[in-house]
């Protein structure tokens, strides 16, 4: 495949892979570490703890997928330039 077809196929495969991605488990220790207890108040900021856990799990889960997507899209875009140049030259010669 070349150009747009290769690009769209890569995005469809990334979309499918991200939909089929298994969510990582969250342990009680991770919750306790993320919640902690601040010096300013006696309570726990649960919203902050949830954000910390969500960001870490998303990074761990999606980082390999995003790296694979970056490599494949870079390859598709590298192959697109010669095809585009060829098409421009052919169009110029016909005119």
PDB file of N, CA and C in Angstrom:
ATOM      1  N   UNK A   1       0.836  -1.189   0.000  1.00  0.00           N
ATOM      2  CA  UNK A   1       0.000   0.000   0.000  1.00  0.00           C
ATOM      3  C   UNK A   1       0.877   1.247   0.000  1.00  0.00           C
ATOM      4  N   UNK A   2       0.356   2.302  -0.585  1.00  0.00           N
ATOM      5  CA  UNK A   2       1.076   3.572  -0.625  1.00  0.00           C
ATOM      6  C   UNK A   2       0.171   4.693  -0.147  1.00  0.00           C
ATOM      7  N   UNK A   3       0.789   5.722   0.365  1.00  0.00           N
ATOM      8  CA  UNK A   3       0.111   6.977   0.639  1.00  0.00           C
ATOM      9  C   UNK A   3      -1.046   6.878   1.604  1.00  0.00           C
ATOM     10  N   UNK A   4      -2.154   7.464   1.179  1.00  0.00           N
ATOM     11  CA  UNK A   4      -3.326   7.562   2.029  1.00  0.00           C
ATOM     12  C   UNK A   4      -3.862   6.218   2.472  1.00  0.00           C
ATOM     13  N   UNK A   5      -3.813   5.231   1.597  1.00  0.00           N
ATOM     14  CA  UNK A   5      -4.311   3.900   1.955  1.00  0.00           C
ATOM     15  C   UNK A   5      -3.495   3.310   3.101  1.00  0.00           C
ATOM     16  N   UNK A   6      -2.188   3.449   3.002  1.00  0.00           N
ATOM     17  CA  UNK A   6      -1.320   2.925   4.053  1.00  0.00           C
ATOM     18  C   UNK A   6      -1.525   3.693   5.364  1.00  0.00           C
ATOM     19  N   UNK A   7      -1.681   4.990   5.255  1.00  0.00           N
ATOM     20  CA  UNK A   7      -1.911   5.845   6.421  1.00  0.00           C
ATOM     21  C   UNK A   7      -3.227   5.475   7.121  1.00  0.00           C
ATOM     22  N   UNK A   8      -4.296   5.358   6.347  1.00  0.00           N
ATOM     23  CA  UNK A   8      -5.600   5.033   6.929  1.00  0.00           C
ATOM     24  C   UNK A   8      -5.624   3.619   7.508  1.00  0.00           C
ATOM     25  N   UNK A   9      -4.943   2.693   6.863  1.00  0.00           N
ATOM     26  CA  UNK A   9      -4.866   1.336   7.396  1.00  0.00           C
ATOM     27  C   UNK A   9      -4.137   1.339   8.738  1.00  0.00           C
ATOM     28  N   UNK A  10      -3.078   2.102   8.834  1.00  0.00           N
ATOM     29  CA  UNK A  10      -2.330   2.203  10.088  1.00  0.00           C
ATOM     30  C   UNK A  10      -3.208   2.766  11.193  1.00  0.00           C
ATOM     31  N   UNK A  11      -3.987   3.805  10.887  1.00  0.00           N
ATOM     32  CA  UNK A  11      -4.864   4.400  11.897  1.00  0.00           C
ATOM     33  C   UNK A  11      -5.975   3.435  12.311  1.00  0.00           C
ATOM     34  N   UNK A  12      -6.532   2.685  11.350  1.00  0.00           N
ATOM     35  CA  UNK A  12      -7.564   1.707  11.687  1.00  0.00           C
ATOM     36  C   UNK A  12      -7.011   0.610  12.598  1.00  0.00           C
ATOM     37  N   UNK A  13      -5.803   0.158  12.308  1.00  0.00           N
ATOM     38  CA  UNK A  13      -5.192  -0.874  13.136  1.00  0.00           C
ATOM     39  C   UNK A  13      -4.891  -0.348  14.533  1.00  0.00           C
ATOM     40  N   UNK A  14      -4.447   0.913  14.637  1.00  0.00           N
ATOM     41  CA  UNK A  14      -4.206   1.514  15.954  1.00  0.00           C
ATOM     42  C   UNK A  14      -5.523   1.624  16.720  1.00  0.00           C
ATOM     43  N   UNK A  15      -6.580   2.037  16.041  1.00  0.00           N
ATOM     44  CA  UNK A  15      -7.883   2.168  16.680  1.00  0.00           C
ATOM     45  C   UNK A  15      -8.350   0.812  17.212  1.00  0.00           C
ATOM     46  N   UNK A  16      -8.215  -0.223  16.404  1.00  0.00           N
ATOM     47  CA  UNK A  16      -8.617  -1.556  16.826  1.00  0.00           C
ATOM     48  C   UNK A  16      -7.760  -2.041  17.995  1.00  0.00           C
ATOM     49  N   UNK A  17      -6.464  -1.819  17.918  1.00  0.00           N
ATOM     50  CA  UNK A  17      -5.571  -2.257  18.996  1.00  0.00           C
ATOM     51  C   UNK A  17      -5.889  -1.535  20.299  1.00  0.00           C
ATOM     52  N   UNK A  18      -6.215  -0.256  20.213  1.00  0.00           N
ATOM     53  CA  UNK A  18      -6.525   0.493  21.434  1.00  0.00           C
ATOM     54  C   UNK A  18      -7.878   0.073  22.011  1.00  0.00           C
ATOM     55  N   UNK A  19      -8.816  -0.332  21.158  1.00  0.00           N
ATOM     56  CA  UNK A  19     -10.110  -0.806  21.654  1.00  0.00           C
ATOM     57  C   UNK A  19      -9.979  -2.170  22.328  1.00  0.00           C
ATOM     58  N   UNK A  20      -9.056  -2.985  21.855  1.00  0.00           N
ATOM     59  CA  UNK A  20      -8.866  -4.329  22.405  1.00  0.00           C
ATOM     60  C   UNK A  20      -7.857  -4.352  23.556  1.00  0.00           C
ATOM     61  N   UNK A  21      -7.335  -3.219  23.903  1.00  0.00           N
ATOM     62  CA  UNK A  21      -6.318  -3.124  24.948  1.00  0.00           C
ATOM     63  C   UNK A  21      -6.918  -3.499  26.299  1.00  0.00           C
ATOM     64  N   UNK A  22      -6.245  -4.369  27.002  1.00  0.00           N
ATOM     65  CA  UNK A  22      -6.698  -4.743  28.335  1.00  0.00           C
ATOM     66  C   UNK A  22      -6.278  -3.677  29.328  1.00  0.00           C
ATOM     67  N   UNK A  23      -7.199  -3.346  30.193  1.00  0.00           N
ATOM     68  CA  UNK A  23      -6.900  -2.338  31.205  1.00  0.00           C
ATOM     69  C   UNK A  23      -6.041  -2.952  32.296  1.00  0.00           C
ATOM     70  N   UNK A  24      -5.016  -2.228  32.718  1.00  0.00           N
ATOM     71  CA  UNK A  24      -4.159  -2.767  33.773  1.00  0.00           C
ATOM     72  C   UNK A  24      -4.902  -2.764  35.114  1.00  0.00           C
ATOM     73  N   UNK A  25      -4.521  -3.675  35.961  1.00  0.00           N
ATOM     74  CA  UNK A  25      -5.144  -3.737  37.281  1.00  0.00           C
ATOM     75  C   UNK A  25      -4.517  -2.687  38.193  1.00  0.00           C
ATOM     76  N   UNK A  26      -5.294  -2.259  39.149  1.00  0.00           N
ATOM     77  CA  UNK A  26      -4.824  -1.269  40.119  1.00  0.00           C
ATOM     78  C   UNK A  26      -4.810  -1.944  41.479  1.00  0.00           C
ATOM     79  N   UNK A  27      -3.660  -1.938  42.107  1.00  0.00           N
ATOM     80  CA  UNK A  27      -3.529  -2.598  43.402  1.00  0.00           C
ATOM     81  C   UNK A  27      -3.870  -1.635  44.533  1.00  0.00           C
ATOM     82  N   UNK A  28      -4.133  -2.198  45.675  1.00  0.00           N
ATOM     83  CA  UNK A  28      -4.430  -1.383  46.849  1.00  0.00           C
ATOM     84  C   UNK A  28      -3.225  -0.528  47.237  1.00  0.00           C
ATOM     85  N   UNK A  29      -2.023  -1.071  47.038  1.00  0.00           N
ATOM     86  CA  UNK A  29      -0.815  -0.305  47.356  1.00  0.00           C
ATOM     87  C   UNK A  29      -0.690   0.931  46.465  1.00  0.00           C
ATOM     88  N   UNK A  30      -1.036   0.783  45.183  1.00  0.00           N
ATOM     89  CA  UNK A  30      -0.979   1.933  44.284  1.00  0.00           C
ATOM     90  C   UNK A  30      -1.964   3.013  44.712  1.00  0.00           C
ATOM     91  N   UNK A  31      -3.141   2.597  45.136  1.00  0.00           N
ATOM     92  CA  UNK A  31      -4.141   3.566  45.609  1.00  0.00           C
ATOM     93  C   UNK A  31      -3.635   4.267  46.856  1.00  0.00           C
ATOM     94  N   UNK A  32      -3.096   3.499  47.776  1.00  0.00           N
ATOM     95  CA  UNK A  32      -2.588   4.085  49.021  1.00  0.00           C
ATOM     96  C   UNK A  32      -1.434   5.042  48.750  1.00  0.00           C
ATOM     97  N   UNK A  33      -0.530   4.652  47.856  1.00  0.00           N
ATOM     98  CA  UNK A  33       0.610   5.528  47.538  1.00  0.00           C
ATOM     99  C   UNK A  33       0.166   6.790  46.825  1.00  0.00           C
ATOM    100  N   UNK A  34      -0.793   6.665  45.917  1.00  0.00           N
ATOM    101  CA  UNK A  34      -1.266   7.842  45.175  1.00  0.00           C
ATOM    102  C   UNK A  34      -2.060   8.772  46.078  1.00  0.00           C
ATOM    103  N   UNK A  35      -2.847   8.204  46.994  1.00  0.00           N
ATOM    104  CA  UNK A  35      -3.666   9.036  47.876  1.00  0.00           C
ATOM    105  C   UNK A  35      -2.794   9.763  48.883  1.00  0.00           C
ATOM    106  N   UNK A  36      -1.977   9.026  49.580  1.00  0.00           N
ATOM    107  CA  UNK A  36      -1.098   9.649  50.563  1.00  0.00           C
ATOM    108  C   UNK A  36      -1.870  10.533  51.529  1.00  0.00           C
ATOM    109  N   UNK A  37      -1.152  11.236  52.336  1.00  0.00           N
ATOM    110  CA  UNK A  37      -1.747  12.212  53.235  1.00  0.00           C
ATOM    111  C   UNK A  37      -0.850  13.436  53.204  1.00  0.00           C
ATOM    112  N   UNK A  38      -1.407  14.560  52.792  1.00  0.00           N
ATOM    113  CA  UNK A  38      -0.620  15.781  52.697  1.00  0.00           C
ATOM    114  C   UNK A  38      -0.405  16.417  54.058  1.00  0.00           C
ATOM    115  N   UNK A  39       0.579  17.305  54.161  1.00  0.00           N
ATOM    116  CA  UNK A  39       0.870  17.994  55.414  1.00  0.00           C
ATOM    117  C   UNK A  39      -0.129  19.115  55.676  1.00  0.00           C
ATOM    118  N   UNK A  40      -0.787  19.614  54.630  1.00  0.00           N
ATOM    119  CA  UNK A  40      -1.663  20.769  54.765  1.00  0.00           C
ATOM    120  C   UNK A  40      -2.993  20.386  55.402  1.00  0.00           C
ATOM    121  N   UNK A  41      -3.521  19.210  55.101  1.00  0.00           N
ATOM    122  CA  UNK A  41      -4.820  18.804  55.618  1.00  0.00           C
ATOM    123  C   UNK A  41      -4.767  17.363  56.087  1.00  0.00           C
ATOM    124  N   UNK A  42      -5.771  16.972  56.834  1.00  0.00           N
ATOM    125  CA  UNK A  42      -5.815  15.613  57.356  1.00  0.00           C
ATOM    126  C   UNK A  42      -6.468  14.631  56.378  1.00  0.00           C
ATOM    127  N   UNK A  43      -7.244  15.158  55.427  1.00  0.00           N
ATOM    128  CA  UNK A  43      -7.956  14.301  54.485  1.00  0.00           C
ATOM    129  C   UNK A  43      -7.095  13.898  53.311  1.00  0.00           C
ATOM    130  N   UNK A  44      -7.685  13.101  52.461  1.00  0.00           N
ATOM    131  CA  UNK A  44      -7.002  12.618  51.275  1.00  0.00           C
ATOM    132  C   UNK A  44      -7.672  13.259  50.064  1.00  0.00           C
ATOM    133  N   UNK A  45      -6.875  13.726  49.119  1.00  0.00           N
ATOM    134  CA  UNK A  45      -7.405  14.311  47.904  1.00  0.00           C
ATOM    135  C   UNK A  45      -7.631  13.185  46.894  1.00  0.00           C
ATOM    136  N   UNK A  46      -8.838  12.635  46.883  1.00  0.00           N
ATOM    137  CA  UNK A  46      -9.145  11.476  46.048  1.00  0.00           C
ATOM    138  C   UNK A  46      -9.110  11.810  44.565  1.00  0.00           C
ATOM    139  N   UNK A  47      -9.489  13.018  44.197  1.00  0.00           N
ATOM    140  CA  UNK A  47      -9.457  13.403  42.788  1.00  0.00           C
ATOM    141  C   UNK A  47      -8.021  13.405  42.275  1.00  0.00           C
ATOM    142  N   UNK A  48      -7.117  13.953  43.060  1.00  0.00           N
ATOM    143  CA  UNK A  48      -5.704  13.965  42.675  1.00  0.00           C
ATOM    144  C   UNK A  48      -5.161  12.541  42.579  1.00  0.00           C
ATOM    145  N   UNK A  49      -5.514  11.709  43.538  1.00  0.00           N
ATOM    146  CA  UNK A  49      -5.047  10.319  43.530  1.00  0.00           C
ATOM    147  C   UNK A  49      -5.558   9.583  42.294  1.00  0.00           C
ATOM    148  N   UNK A  50      -6.832   9.790  41.952  1.00  0.00           N
ATOM    149  CA  UNK A  50      -7.400   9.137  40.771  1.00  0.00           C
ATOM    150  C   UNK A  50      -6.681   9.600  39.509  1.00  0.00           C
ATOM    151  N   UNK A  51      -6.367  10.882  39.419  1.00  0.00           N
ATOM    152  CA  UNK A  51      -5.658  11.419  38.246  1.00  0.00           C
ATOM    153  C   UNK A  51      -4.254  10.837  38.141  1.00  0.00           C
ATOM    154  N   UNK A  52      -3.563  10.739  39.264  1.00  0.00           N
ATOM    155  CA  UNK A  52      -2.205  10.185  39.268  1.00  0.00           C
ATOM    156  C   UNK A  52      -2.222   8.739  38.777  1.00  0.00           C
ATOM    157  N   UNK A  53      -3.148   7.959  39.287  1.00  0.00           N
ATOM    158  CA  UNK A  53      -3.244   6.547  38.885  1.00  0.00           C
ATOM    159  C   UNK A  53      -3.637   6.440  37.411  1.00  0.00           C
ATOM    160  N   UNK A  54      -4.611   7.223  36.979  1.00  0.00           N
ATOM    161  CA  UNK A  54      -5.068   7.154  35.585  1.00  0.00           C
ATOM    162  C   UNK A  54      -3.963   7.536  34.610  1.00  0.00           C
ATOM    163  N   UNK A  55      -3.224   8.577  34.919  1.00  0.00           N
ATOM    164  CA  UNK A  55      -2.130   8.998  34.039  1.00  0.00           C
ATOM    165  C   UNK A  55      -1.039   7.943  33.943  1.00  0.00           C
ATOM    166  N   UNK A  56      -0.682   7.357  35.059  1.00  0.00           N
ATOM    167  CA  UNK A  56       0.368   6.336  35.051  1.00  0.00           C
ATOM    168  C   UNK A  56      -0.067   5.096  34.284  1.00  0.00           C
ATOM    169  N   UNK A  57      -1.287   4.652  34.503  1.00  0.00           N
ATOM    170  CA  UNK A  57      -1.777   3.452  33.806  1.00  0.00           C
ATOM    171  C   UNK A  57      -1.943   3.717  32.306  1.00  0.00           C
ATOM    172  N   UNK A  58      -2.390   4.910  31.952  1.00  0.00           N
ATOM    173  CA  UNK A  58      -2.521   5.254  30.525  1.00  0.00           C
ATOM    174  C   UNK A  58      -1.158   5.297  29.858  1.00  0.00           C
ATOM    175  N   UNK A  59      -0.175   5.863  30.552  1.00  0.00           N
ATOM    176  CA  UNK A  59       1.176   5.930  29.994  1.00  0.00           C
ATOM    177  C   UNK A  59       1.732   4.529  29.773  1.00  0.00           C
ATOM    178  N   UNK A  60       1.588   3.673  30.757  1.00  0.00           N
ATOM    179  CA  UNK A  60       2.105   2.309  30.648  1.00  0.00           C
ATOM    180  C   UNK A  60       1.379   1.536  29.549  1.00  0.00           C
ATOM    181  N   UNK A  61       0.082   1.735  29.423  1.00  0.00           N
ATOM    182  CA  UNK A  61      -0.708   0.983  28.448  1.00  0.00           C
ATOM    183  C   UNK A  61      -0.504   1.483  27.021  1.00  0.00           C
ATOM    184  N   UNK A  62      -0.544   2.804  26.840  1.00  0.00           N
ATOM    185  CA  UNK A  62      -0.543   3.359  25.484  1.00  0.00           C
ATOM    186  C   UNK A  62       0.840   3.661  24.921  1.00  0.00           C
ATOM    187  N   UNK A  63       1.853   3.751  25.757  1.00  0.00           N
ATOM    188  CA  UNK A  63       3.176   4.115  25.251  1.00  0.00           C
ATOM    189  C   UNK A  63       3.675   3.163  24.162  1.00  0.00           C
ATOM    190  N   UNK A  64       3.595   1.844  24.339  1.00  0.00           N
ATOM    191  CA  UNK A  64       4.050   0.954  23.256  1.00  0.00           C
ATOM    192  C   UNK A  64       3.207   1.092  21.985  1.00  0.00           C
ATOM    193  N   UNK A  65       1.893   1.268  22.148  1.00  0.00           N
ATOM    194  CA  UNK A  65       1.033   1.439  20.970  1.00  0.00           C
ATOM    195  C   UNK A  65       1.358   2.725  20.226  1.00  0.00           C
ATOM    196  N   UNK A  66       1.573   3.798  20.970  1.00  0.00           N
ATOM    197  CA  UNK A  66       1.887   5.075  20.333  1.00  0.00           C
ATOM    198  C   UNK A  66       3.252   5.041  19.641  1.00  0.00           C
ATOM    199  N   UNK A  67       4.200   4.339  20.221  1.00  0.00           N
ATOM    200  CA  UNK A  67       5.519   4.224  19.584  1.00  0.00           C
ATOM    201  C   UNK A  67       5.402   3.446  18.277  1.00  0.00           C
ATOM    202  N   UNK A  68       4.638   2.359  18.284  1.00  0.00           N
ATOM    203  CA  UNK A  68       4.431   1.592  17.049  1.00  0.00           C
ATOM    204  C   UNK A  68       3.714   2.433  16.005  1.00  0.00           C
ATOM    205  N   UNK A  69       2.722   3.212  16.437  1.00  0.00           N
ATOM    206  CA  UNK A  69       2.006   4.097  15.516  1.00  0.00           C
ATOM    207  C   UNK A  69       2.952   5.129  14.918  1.00  0.00           C
ATOM    208  N   UNK A  70       3.815   5.706  15.740  1.00  0.00           N
ATOM    209  CA  UNK A  70       4.767   6.705  15.252  1.00  0.00           C
ATOM    210  C   UNK A  70       5.691   6.113  14.187  1.00  0.00           C
ATOM    211  N   UNK A  71       6.200   4.918  14.434  1.00  0.00           N
ATOM    212  CA  UNK A  71       7.111   4.275  13.482  1.00  0.00           C
ATOM    213  C   UNK A  71       6.388   3.986  12.165  1.00  0.00           C
ATOM    214  N   UNK A  72       5.179   3.460  12.245  1.00  0.00           N
ATOM    215  CA  UNK A  72       4.453   3.097  11.027  1.00  0.00           C
ATOM    216  C   UNK A  72       4.013   4.315  10.226  1.00  0.00           C
ATOM    217  N   UNK A  73       3.562   5.366  10.901  1.00  0.00           N
ATOM    218  CA  UNK A  73       3.142   6.574  10.180  1.00  0.00           C
ATOM    219  C   UNK A  73       4.356   7.266   9.566  1.00  0.00           C
ATOM    220  N   UNK A  74       5.471   7.270  10.269  1.00  0.00           N
ATOM    221  CA  UNK A  74       6.695   7.841   9.707  1.00  0.00           C
ATOM    222  C   UNK A  74       7.091   7.094   8.438  1.00  0.00           C
ATOM    223  N   UNK A  75       6.995   5.772   8.469  1.00  0.00           N
ATOM    224  CA  UNK A  75       7.319   4.966   7.283  1.00  0.00           C
ATOM    225  C   UNK A  75       6.360   5.298   6.132  1.00  0.00           C
ATOM    226  N   UNK A  76       5.068   5.417   6.449  1.00  0.00           N
ATOM    227  CA  UNK A  76       4.082   5.736   5.408  1.00  0.00           C
ATOM    228  C   UNK A  76       4.352   7.099   4.797  1.00  0.00           C
ATOM    229  N   UNK A  77       4.684   8.071   5.629  1.00  0.00           N
ATOM    230  CA  UNK A  77       4.941   9.427   5.120  1.00  0.00           C
ATOM    231  C   UNK A  77       6.244   9.481   4.317  1.00  0.00           C
ATOM    232  N   UNK A  78       7.243   8.703   4.739  1.00  0.00           N
ATOM    233  CA  UNK A  78       8.493   8.649   3.967  1.00  0.00           C
ATOM    234  C   UNK A  78       8.260   8.092   2.573  1.00  0.00           C
ATOM    235  N   UNK A  79       7.388   7.093   2.461  1.00  0.00           N
ATOM    236  CA  UNK A  79       7.096   6.494   1.159  1.00  0.00           C
ATOM    237  C   UNK A  79       6.196   7.381   0.315  1.00  0.00           C
ATOM    238  N   UNK A  80       5.487   8.302   0.949  1.00  0.00           N
ATOM    239  CA  UNK A  80       4.543   9.151   0.228  1.00  0.00           C
ATOM    240  C   UNK A  80       5.255  10.201  -0.628  1.00  0.00           C
ATOM    241  N   UNK A  81       6.381  10.705  -0.161  1.00  0.00           N
ATOM    242  CA  UNK A  81       7.087  11.770  -0.891  1.00  0.00           C
ATOM    243  C   UNK A  81       7.514  11.355  -2.300  1.00  0.00           C
ATOM    244  N   UNK A  82       8.190  10.228  -2.490  1.00  0.00           N
ATOM    245  CA  UNK A  82       8.565   9.852  -3.866  1.00  0.00           C
ATOM    246  C   UNK A  82       7.358   9.653  -4.786  1.00  0.00           C
ATOM    247  N   UNK A  83       6.284   9.097  -4.263  1.00  0.00           N
ATOM    248  CA  UNK A  83       5.081   8.891  -5.078  1.00  0.00           C
ATOM    249  C   UNK A  83       4.493  10.240  -5.490  1.00  0.00           C
ATOM    250  N   UNK A  84       4.436  11.173  -4.552  1.00  0.00           N
ATOM    251  CA  UNK A  84       3.908  12.507  -4.851  1.00  0.00           C
ATOM    252  C   UNK A  84       4.766  13.210  -5.884  1.00  0.00           C
ATOM    253  N   UNK A  85       6.088  13.138  -5.741  1.00  0.00           N
ATOM    254  CA  UNK A  85       6.981  13.761  -6.714  1.00  0.00           C
ATOM    255  C   UNK A  85       6.795  13.161  -8.100  1.00  0.00           C
ATOM    256  N   UNK A  86       6.657  11.849  -8.167  1.00  0.00           N
ATOM    257  CA  UNK A  86       6.439  11.189  -9.440  1.00  0.00           C
ATOM    258  C   UNK A  86       5.138  11.666 -10.088  1.00  0.00           C
ATOM    259  N   UNK A  87       4.083  11.735  -9.277  1.00  0.00           N
ATOM    260  CA  UNK A  87       2.796  12.176  -9.816  1.00  0.00           C
ATOM    261  C   UNK A  87       2.862  13.621 -10.293  1.00  0.00           C
ATOM    262  N   UNK A  88       3.562  14.480  -9.590  1.00  0.00           N
ATOM    263  CA  UNK A  88       3.699  15.874 -10.014  1.00  0.00           C
ATOM    264  C   UNK A  88       4.481  15.982 -11.308  1.00  0.00           C
ATOM    265  N   UNK A  89       5.549  15.176 -11.431  1.00  0.00           N
ATOM    266  CA  UNK A  89       6.336  15.201 -12.666  1.00  0.00           C
ATOM    267  C   UNK A  89       5.508  14.696 -13.848  1.00  0.00           C
ATOM    268  N   UNK A  90       4.754  13.632 -13.643  1.00  0.00           N
ATOM    269  CA  UNK A  90       3.926  13.088 -14.704  1.00  0.00           C
ATOM    270  C   UNK A  90       2.841  14.085 -15.132  1.00  0.00           C
ATOM    271  N   UNK A  91       2.252  14.767 -14.199  1.00  0.00           N
ATOM    272  CA  UNK A  91       1.228  15.754 -14.506  1.00  0.00           C
ATOM    273  C   UNK A  91       1.836  16.925 -15.276  1.00  0.00           C
ATOM    274  N   UNK A  92       3.040  17.326 -14.868  1.00  0.00           N
ATOM    275  CA  UNK A  92       3.729  18.441 -15.546  1.00  0.00           C
ATOM    276  C   UNK A  92       4.103  18.096 -16.980  1.00  0.00           C
ATOM    277  N   UNK A  93       4.489  16.850 -17.232  1.00  0.00           N
ATOM    278  CA  UNK A  93       4.883  16.434 -18.567  1.00  0.00           C
ATOM    279  C   UNK A  93       3.680  16.345 -19.510  1.00  0.00           C
ATOM    280  N   UNK A  94       2.523  16.022 -18.968  1.00  0.00           N
ATOM    281  CA  UNK A  94       1.330  15.924 -19.796  1.00  0.00           C
ATOM    282  C   UNK A  94       0.776  17.270 -20.197  1.00  0.00           C
ATOM    283  N   UNK A  95       1.027  18.272 -19.371  1.00  0.00           N
ATOM    284  CA  UNK A  95       0.457  19.606 -19.641  1.00  0.00           C
ATOM    285  C   UNK A  95       1.202  20.365 -20.691  1.00  0.00           C
TER     286      UNK A  95
END
